[in-house]
Amino acid sequence: MSLPSKEDARLCASVIKEVVEARGLKGDHQAIATLTITVAKLYNKGIRERDALLAETMRIAEIPTTSSNRASPVPKA
């Protein structure tokens, strides 16, 4: 098994960071770990474009927000 390139790792990290900021998850280590696993699984399934990876992550990540002034989780379609 080979590791992803630095560019691929940065792609995944940027998606995770954006979702964390959008959902107010800073400091919620359990939610961030779940989000990291979700992004990794999506990436391994072949979603490699940033916008598609971000959209799919936001769609399926049912992570409750830690702050009431942040956006609520996106409901499943």
PDB file of N, CA and C in Angstrom:
ATOM      1  N   MET A   1       0.844  -1.173   0.000  1.00  0.00           N
ATOM      2  CA  MET A   1       0.000   0.000   0.000  1.00  0.00           C
ATOM      3  C   MET A   1       0.892   1.239   0.000  1.00  0.00           C
ATOM      4  N   SER A   2       0.626   2.141  -0.916  1.00  0.00           N
ATOM      5  CA  SER A   2       1.431   3.351  -0.981  1.00  0.00           C
ATOM      6  C   SER A   2       0.690   4.511  -0.321  1.00  0.00           C
ATOM      7  N   LEU A   3       1.452   5.426   0.188  1.00  0.00           N
ATOM      8  CA  LEU A   3       0.879   6.604   0.825  1.00  0.00           C
ATOM      9  C   LEU A   3       0.513   7.633  -0.232  1.00  0.00           C
ATOM     10  N   PRO A   4      -0.461   8.495   0.061  1.00  0.00           N
ATOM     11  CA  PRO A   4      -0.814   9.535  -0.905  1.00  0.00           C
ATOM     12  C   PRO A   4       0.314  10.559  -1.023  1.00  0.00           C
ATOM     13  N   SER A   5       0.334  11.261  -2.141  1.00  0.00           N
ATOM     14  CA  SER A   5       1.346  12.299  -2.328  1.00  0.00           C
ATOM     15  C   SER A   5       1.067  13.459  -1.382  1.00  0.00           C
ATOM     16  N   LYS A   6       2.036  14.367  -1.278  1.00  0.00           N
ATOM     17  CA  LYS A   6       1.835  15.543  -0.435  1.00  0.00           C
ATOM     18  C   LYS A   6       0.662  16.376  -0.926  1.00  0.00           C
ATOM     19  N   GLU A   7       0.512  16.470  -2.235  1.00  0.00           N
ATOM     20  CA  GLU A   7      -0.606  17.238  -2.804  1.00  0.00           C
ATOM     21  C   GLU A   7      -1.943  16.614  -2.414  1.00  0.00           C
ATOM     22  N   ASP A   8      -2.018  15.294  -2.483  1.00  0.00           N
ATOM     23  CA  ASP A   8      -3.258  14.602  -2.117  1.00  0.00           C
ATOM     24  C   ASP A   8      -3.561  14.772  -0.628  1.00  0.00           C
ATOM     25  N   ALA A   9      -2.531  14.690   0.198  1.00  0.00           N
ATOM     26  CA  ALA A   9      -2.715  14.877   1.636  1.00  0.00           C
ATOM     27  C   ALA A   9      -3.178  16.299   1.939  1.00  0.00           C
ATOM     28  N   ARG A  10      -2.617  17.271   1.236  1.00  0.00           N
ATOM     29  CA  ARG A  10      -3.033  18.667   1.425  1.00  0.00           C
ATOM     30  C   ARG A  10      -4.472  18.877   0.978  1.00  0.00           C
ATOM     31  N   LEU A  11      -4.871  18.214  -0.095  1.00  0.00           N
ATOM     32  CA  LEU A  11      -6.244  18.296  -0.583  1.00  0.00           C
ATOM     33  C   LEU A  11      -7.203  17.827   0.507  1.00  0.00           C
ATOM     34  N   CYS A  12      -6.948  16.660   1.056  1.00  0.00           N
ATOM     35  CA  CYS A  12      -7.815  16.108   2.096  1.00  0.00           C
ATOM     36  C   CYS A  12      -7.812  16.999   3.344  1.00  0.00           C
ATOM     37  N   ALA A  13      -6.637  17.492   3.730  1.00  0.00           N
ATOM     38  CA  ALA A  13      -6.536  18.352   4.904  1.00  0.00           C
ATOM     39  C   ALA A  13      -7.315  19.651   4.717  1.00  0.00           C
ATOM     40  N   SER A  14      -7.283  20.204   3.509  1.00  0.00           N
ATOM     41  CA  SER A  14      -8.001  21.453   3.268  1.00  0.00           C
ATOM     42  C   SER A  14      -9.516  21.238   3.327  1.00  0.00           C
ATOM     43  N   VAL A  15      -9.981  20.095   2.857  1.00  0.00           N
ATOM     44  CA  VAL A  15     -11.409  19.780   2.938  1.00  0.00           C
ATOM     45  C   VAL A  15     -11.817  19.616   4.400  1.00  0.00           C
ATOM     46  N   ILE A  16     -11.027  18.900   5.159  1.00  0.00           N
ATOM     47  CA  ILE A  16     -11.314  18.702   6.579  1.00  0.00           C
ATOM     48  C   ILE A  16     -11.348  20.050   7.297  1.00  0.00           C
ATOM     49  N   LYS A  17     -10.360  20.887   7.038  1.00  0.00           N
ATOM     50  CA  LYS A  17     -10.282  22.193   7.685  1.00  0.00           C
ATOM     51  C   LYS A  17     -11.507  23.048   7.357  1.00  0.00           C
ATOM     52  N   GLU A  18     -11.932  23.042   6.107  1.00  0.00           N
ATOM     53  CA  GLU A  18     -13.084  23.851   5.719  1.00  0.00           C
ATOM     54  C   GLU A  18     -14.363  23.374   6.392  1.00  0.00           C
ATOM     55  N   VAL A  19     -14.560  22.067   6.473  1.00  0.00           N
ATOM     56  CA  VAL A  19     -15.756  21.531   7.123  1.00  0.00           C
ATOM     57  C   VAL A  19     -15.724  21.830   8.621  1.00  0.00           C
ATOM     58  N   VAL A  20     -14.566  21.693   9.239  1.00  0.00           N
ATOM     59  CA  VAL A  20     -14.426  21.996  10.668  1.00  0.00           C
ATOM     60  C   VAL A  20     -14.808  23.448  10.938  1.00  0.00           C
ATOM     61  N   GLU A  21     -14.317  24.353  10.112  1.00  0.00           N
ATOM     62  CA  GLU A  21     -14.629  25.766  10.287  1.00  0.00           C
ATOM     63  C   GLU A  21     -16.103  26.057  10.018  1.00  0.00           C
ATOM     64  N   ALA A  22     -16.664  25.448   8.975  1.00  0.00           N
ATOM     65  CA  ALA A  22     -18.055  25.702   8.609  1.00  0.00           C
ATOM     66  C   ALA A  22     -19.037  25.185   9.660  1.00  0.00           C
ATOM     67  N   ARG A  23     -18.669  24.094  10.307  1.00  0.00           N
ATOM     68  CA  ARG A  23     -19.579  23.470  11.274  1.00  0.00           C
ATOM     69  C   ARG A  23     -19.251  23.814  12.726  1.00  0.00           C
ATOM     70  N   GLY A  24     -18.214  24.591  12.951  1.00  0.00           N
ATOM     71  CA  GLY A  24     -17.851  24.964  14.311  1.00  0.00           C
ATOM     72  C   GLY A  24     -17.360  23.803  15.148  1.00  0.00           C
ATOM     73  N   LEU A  25     -16.529  22.965  14.560  1.00  0.00           N
ATOM     74  CA  LEU A  25     -16.064  21.751  15.240  1.00  0.00           C
ATOM     75  C   LEU A  25     -14.687  21.901  15.886  1.00  0.00           C
ATOM     76  N   LYS A  26     -14.139  23.090  15.876  1.00  0.00           N
ATOM     77  CA  LYS A  26     -12.800  23.280  16.443  1.00  0.00           C
ATOM     78  C   LYS A  26     -12.799  22.837  17.904  1.00  0.00           C
ATOM     79  N   GLY A  27     -11.893  21.952  18.240  1.00  0.00           N
ATOM     80  CA  GLY A  27     -11.794  21.438  19.600  1.00  0.00           C
ATOM     81  C   GLY A  27     -12.577  20.152  19.839  1.00  0.00           C
ATOM     82  N   ASP A  28     -13.422  19.766  18.908  1.00  0.00           N
ATOM     83  CA  ASP A  28     -14.196  18.531  19.047  1.00  0.00           C
ATOM     84  C   ASP A  28     -13.419  17.409  18.350  1.00  0.00           C
ATOM     85  N   HIS A  29     -12.507  16.808  19.091  1.00  0.00           N
ATOM     86  CA  HIS A  29     -11.579  15.837  18.514  1.00  0.00           C
ATOM     87  C   HIS A  29     -12.274  14.602  17.954  1.00  0.00           C
ATOM     88  N   GLN A  30     -13.329  14.163  18.599  1.00  0.00           N
ATOM     89  CA  GLN A  30     -14.071  12.989  18.119  1.00  0.00           C
ATOM     90  C   GLN A  30     -14.711  13.283  16.761  1.00  0.00           C
ATOM     91  N   ALA A  31     -15.327  14.444  16.627  1.00  0.00           N
ATOM     92  CA  ALA A  31     -15.962  14.815  15.361  1.00  0.00           C
ATOM     93  C   ALA A  31     -14.927  14.987  14.253  1.00  0.00           C
ATOM     94  N   ILE A  32     -13.789  15.563  14.581  1.00  0.00           N
ATOM     95  CA  ILE A  32     -12.734  15.755  13.584  1.00  0.00           C
ATOM     96  C   ILE A  32     -12.169  14.408  13.142  1.00  0.00           C
ATOM     97  N   ALA A  33     -12.022  13.479  14.069  1.00  0.00           N
ATOM     98  CA  ALA A  33     -11.539  12.144  13.717  1.00  0.00           C
ATOM     99  C   ALA A  33     -12.525  11.441  12.785  1.00  0.00           C
ATOM    100  N   THR A  34     -13.814  11.545  13.091  1.00  0.00           N
ATOM    101  CA  THR A  34     -14.841  10.955  12.233  1.00  0.00           C
ATOM    102  C   THR A  34     -14.818  11.593  10.856  1.00  0.00           C
ATOM    103  N   LEU A  35     -14.670  12.896  10.816  1.00  0.00           N
ATOM    104  CA  LEU A  35     -14.598  13.627   9.558  1.00  0.00           C
ATOM    105  C   LEU A  35     -13.380  13.207   8.746  1.00  0.00           C
ATOM    106  N   THR A  36     -12.249  13.027   9.396  1.00  0.00           N
ATOM    107  CA  THR A  36     -11.022  12.598   8.720  1.00  0.00           C
ATOM    108  C   THR A  36     -11.207  11.228   8.081  1.00  0.00           C
ATOM    109  N   ILE A  37     -11.823  10.321   8.794  1.00  0.00           N
ATOM    110  CA  ILE A  37     -12.094   8.984   8.258  1.00  0.00           C
ATOM    111  C   ILE A  37     -13.022   9.072   7.057  1.00  0.00           C
ATOM    112  N   THR A  38     -14.044   9.918   7.153  1.00  0.00           N
ATOM    113  CA  THR A  38     -14.989  10.089   6.054  1.00  0.00           C
ATOM    114  C   THR A  38     -14.295  10.588   4.803  1.00  0.00           C
ATOM    115  N   VAL A  39     -13.457  11.614   4.953  1.00  0.00           N
ATOM    116  CA  VAL A  39     -12.732  12.175   3.802  1.00  0.00           C
ATOM    117  C   VAL A  39     -11.796  11.130   3.201  1.00  0.00           C
ATOM    118  N   ALA A  40     -11.096  10.381   4.044  1.00  0.00           N
ATOM    119  CA  ALA A  40     -10.184   9.353   3.548  1.00  0.00           C
ATOM    120  C   ALA A  40     -10.926   8.277   2.753  1.00  0.00           C
ATOM    121  N   LYS A  41     -12.074   7.861   3.249  1.00  0.00           N
ATOM    122  CA  LYS A  41     -12.860   6.845   2.542  1.00  0.00           C
ATOM    123  C   LYS A  41     -13.345   7.362   1.195  1.00  0.00           C
ATOM    124  N   LEU A  42     -13.825   8.599   1.171  1.00  0.00           N
ATOM    125  CA  LEU A  42     -14.283   9.185  -0.092  1.00  0.00           C
ATOM    126  C   LEU A  42     -13.136   9.316  -1.083  1.00  0.00           C
ATOM    127  N   TYR A  43     -11.982   9.741  -0.595  1.00  0.00           N
ATOM    128  CA  TYR A  43     -10.806   9.877  -1.454  1.00  0.00           C
ATOM    129  C   TYR A  43     -10.412   8.514  -2.029  1.00  0.00           C
ATOM    130  N   ASN A  44     -10.417   7.508  -1.197  1.00  0.00           N
ATOM    131  CA  ASN A  44     -10.047   6.166  -1.648  1.00  0.00           C
ATOM    132  C   ASN A  44     -11.065   5.567  -2.606  1.00  0.00           C
ATOM    133  N   LYS A  45     -12.304   6.056  -2.561  1.00  0.00           N
ATOM    134  CA  LYS A  45     -13.323   5.603  -3.511  1.00  0.00           C
ATOM    135  C   LYS A  45     -13.190   6.296  -4.860  1.00  0.00           C
ATOM    136  N   GLY A  46     -12.286   7.269  -4.950  1.00  0.00           N
ATOM    137  CA  GLY A  46     -12.013   7.898  -6.235  1.00  0.00           C
ATOM    138  C   GLY A  46     -12.457   9.335  -6.381  1.00  0.00           C
ATOM    139  N   ILE A  47     -12.992   9.933  -5.339  1.00  0.00           N
ATOM    140  CA  ILE A  47     -13.386  11.343  -5.421  1.00  0.00           C
ATOM    141  C   ILE A  47     -12.134  12.171  -5.166  1.00  0.00           C
ATOM    142  N   ARG A  48     -11.577  12.739  -6.241  1.00  0.00           N
ATOM    143  CA  ARG A  48     -10.284  13.425  -6.135  1.00  0.00           C
ATOM    144  C   ARG A  48     -10.358  14.922  -6.404  1.00  0.00           C
ATOM    145  N   GLU A  49     -11.495  15.425  -6.913  1.00  0.00           N
ATOM    146  CA  GLU A  49     -11.631  16.858  -7.140  1.00  0.00           C
ATOM    147  C   GLU A  49     -12.082  17.512  -5.837  1.00  0.00           C
ATOM    148  N   ARG A  50     -11.469  18.642  -5.512  1.00  0.00           N
ATOM    149  CA  ARG A  50     -11.726  19.300  -4.233  1.00  0.00           C
ATOM    150  C   ARG A  50     -13.205  19.621  -4.031  1.00  0.00           C
ATOM    151  N   ASP A  51     -13.839  20.236  -5.013  1.00  0.00           N
ATOM    152  CA  ASP A  51     -15.238  20.633  -4.860  1.00  0.00           C
ATOM    153  C   ASP A  51     -16.144  19.427  -4.662  1.00  0.00           C
ATOM    154  N   ALA A  52     -15.905  18.367  -5.410  1.00  0.00           N
ATOM    155  CA  ALA A  52     -16.718  17.153  -5.273  1.00  0.00           C
ATOM    156  C   ALA A  52     -16.479  16.493  -3.918  1.00  0.00           C
ATOM    157  N   LEU A  53     -15.234  16.465  -3.482  1.00  0.00           N
ATOM    158  CA  LEU A  53     -14.894  15.866  -2.190  1.00  0.00           C
ATOM    159  C   LEU A  53     -15.527  16.663  -1.055  1.00  0.00           C
ATOM    160  N   LEU A  54     -15.474  17.976  -1.144  1.00  0.00           N
ATOM    161  CA  LEU A  54     -16.073  18.830  -0.124  1.00  0.00           C
ATOM    162  C   LEU A  54     -17.589  18.659  -0.093  1.00  0.00           C
ATOM    163  N   ALA A  55     -18.221  18.680  -1.243  1.00  0.00           N
ATOM    164  CA  ALA A  55     -19.676  18.553  -1.311  1.00  0.00           C
ATOM    165  C   ALA A  55     -20.150  17.213  -0.756  1.00  0.00           C
ATOM    166  N   GLU A  56     -19.487  16.152  -1.129  1.00  0.00           N
ATOM    167  CA  GLU A  56     -19.882  14.819  -0.660  1.00  0.00           C
ATOM    168  C   GLU A  56     -19.632  14.676   0.844  1.00  0.00           C
ATOM    169  N   THR A  57     -18.535  15.245   1.329  1.00  0.00           N
ATOM    170  CA  THR A  57     -18.248  15.201   2.763  1.00  0.00           C
ATOM    171  C   THR A  57     -19.326  15.937   3.544  1.00  0.00           C
ATOM    172  N   MET A  58     -19.697  17.114   3.073  1.00  0.00           N
ATOM    173  CA  MET A  58     -20.734  17.894   3.752  1.00  0.00           C
ATOM    174  C   MET A  58     -22.081  17.168   3.698  1.00  0.00           C
ATOM    175  N   ARG A  59     -22.324  16.463   2.618  1.00  0.00           N
ATOM    176  CA  ARG A  59     -23.598  15.774   2.458  1.00  0.00           C
ATOM    177  C   ARG A  59     -23.736  14.595   3.414  1.00  0.00           C
ATOM    178  N   ILE A  60     -22.683  13.808   3.574  1.00  0.00           N
ATOM    179  CA  ILE A  60     -22.819  12.590   4.360  1.00  0.00           C
ATOM    180  C   ILE A  60     -22.361  12.711   5.807  1.00  0.00           C
ATOM    181  N   ALA A  61     -21.607  13.741   6.133  1.00  0.00           N
ATOM    182  CA  ALA A  61     -21.093  13.880   7.502  1.00  0.00           C
ATOM    183  C   ALA A  61     -22.187  14.417   8.408  1.00  0.00           C
ATOM    184  N   GLU A  62     -22.765  13.562   9.190  1.00  0.00           N
ATOM    185  CA  GLU A  62     -23.818  13.944  10.132  1.00  0.00           C
ATOM    186  C   GLU A  62     -23.172  14.249  11.481  1.00  0.00           C
ATOM    187  N   ILE A  63     -22.420  15.346  11.518  1.00  0.00           N
ATOM    188  CA  ILE A  63     -21.712  15.705  12.737  1.00  0.00           C
ATOM    189  C   ILE A  63     -22.427  16.891  13.369  1.00  0.00           C
ATOM    190  N   PRO A  64     -22.919  16.747  14.603  1.00  0.00           N
ATOM    191  CA  PRO A  64     -23.610  17.871  15.237  1.00  0.00           C
ATOM    192  C   PRO A  64     -22.661  19.029  15.501  1.00  0.00           C
ATOM    193  N   THR A  65     -23.167  20.245  15.424  1.00  0.00           N
ATOM    194  CA  THR A  65     -22.334  21.415  15.668  1.00  0.00           C
ATOM    195  C   THR A  65     -22.134  21.606  17.158  1.00  0.00           C
ATOM    196  N   THR A  66     -21.032  22.236  17.536  1.00  0.00           N
ATOM    197  CA  THR A  66     -20.740  22.489  18.945  1.00  0.00           C
ATOM    198  C   THR A  66     -21.125  23.903  19.343  1.00  0.00           C
ATOM    199  N   SER A  67     -21.486  24.721  18.360  1.00  0.00           N
ATOM    200  CA  SER A  67     -21.860  26.104  18.627  1.00  0.00           C
ATOM    201  C   SER A  67     -23.204  26.391  17.971  1.00  0.00           C
ATOM    202  N   SER A  68     -24.099  27.035  18.708  1.00  0.00           N
ATOM    203  CA  SER A  68     -25.440  27.275  18.183  1.00  0.00           C
ATOM    204  C   SER A  68     -25.467  28.340  17.096  1.00  0.00           C
ATOM    205  N   ASN A  69     -24.422  29.154  16.964  1.00  0.00           N
ATOM    206  CA  ASN A  69     -24.427  30.199  15.937  1.00  0.00           C
ATOM    207  C   ASN A  69     -23.819  29.732  14.615  1.00  0.00           C
ATOM    208  N   ARG A  70     -23.489  28.481  14.511  1.00  0.00           N
ATOM    209  CA  ARG A  70     -22.945  27.925  13.281  1.00  0.00           C
ATOM    210  C   ARG A  70     -24.034  27.242  12.480  1.00  0.00           C
ATOM    211  N   ALA A  71     -23.732  26.937  11.226  1.00  0.00           N
ATOM    212  CA  ALA A  71     -24.691  26.249  10.360  1.00  0.00           C
ATOM    213  C   ALA A  71     -24.979  24.859  10.904  1.00  0.00           C
ATOM    214  N   SER A  72     -26.209  24.424  10.764  1.00  0.00           N
ATOM    215  CA  SER A  72     -26.586  23.096  11.220  1.00  0.00           C
ATOM    216  C   SER A  72     -26.138  22.052  10.217  1.00  0.00           C
ATOM    217  N   PRO A  73     -26.038  20.783  10.629  1.00  0.00           N
ATOM    218  CA  PRO A  73     -25.628  19.731   9.700  1.00  0.00           C
ATOM    219  C   PRO A  73     -26.555  19.655   8.492  1.00  0.00           C
ATOM    220  N   VAL A  74     -25.987  19.330   7.381  1.00  0.00           N
ATOM    221  CA  VAL A  74     -26.753  19.208   6.156  1.00  0.00           C
ATOM    222  C   VAL A  74     -27.552  17.916   6.209  1.00  0.00           C
ATOM    223  N   PRO A  75     -28.888  17.970   6.036  1.00  0.00           N
ATOM    224  CA  PRO A  75     -29.677  16.732   6.085  1.00  0.00           C
ATOM    225  C   PRO A  75     -29.407  15.850   4.878  1.00  0.00           C
ATOM    226  N   LYS A  76     -29.606  14.550   5.064  1.00  0.00           N
ATOM    227  CA  LYS A  76     -29.437  13.621   3.954  1.00  0.00           C
ATOM    228  C   LYS A  76     -30.536  13.855   2.932  1.00  0.00           C
ATOM    229  N   ALA A  77     -30.154  13.712   1.661  1.00  0.00           N
ATOM    230  CA  ALA A  77     -31.129  13.919   0.587  1.00  0.00           C
ATOM    231  C   ALA A  77     -32.008  12.713   0.401  1.00  0.00           C
TER     232      ALA A  77
END
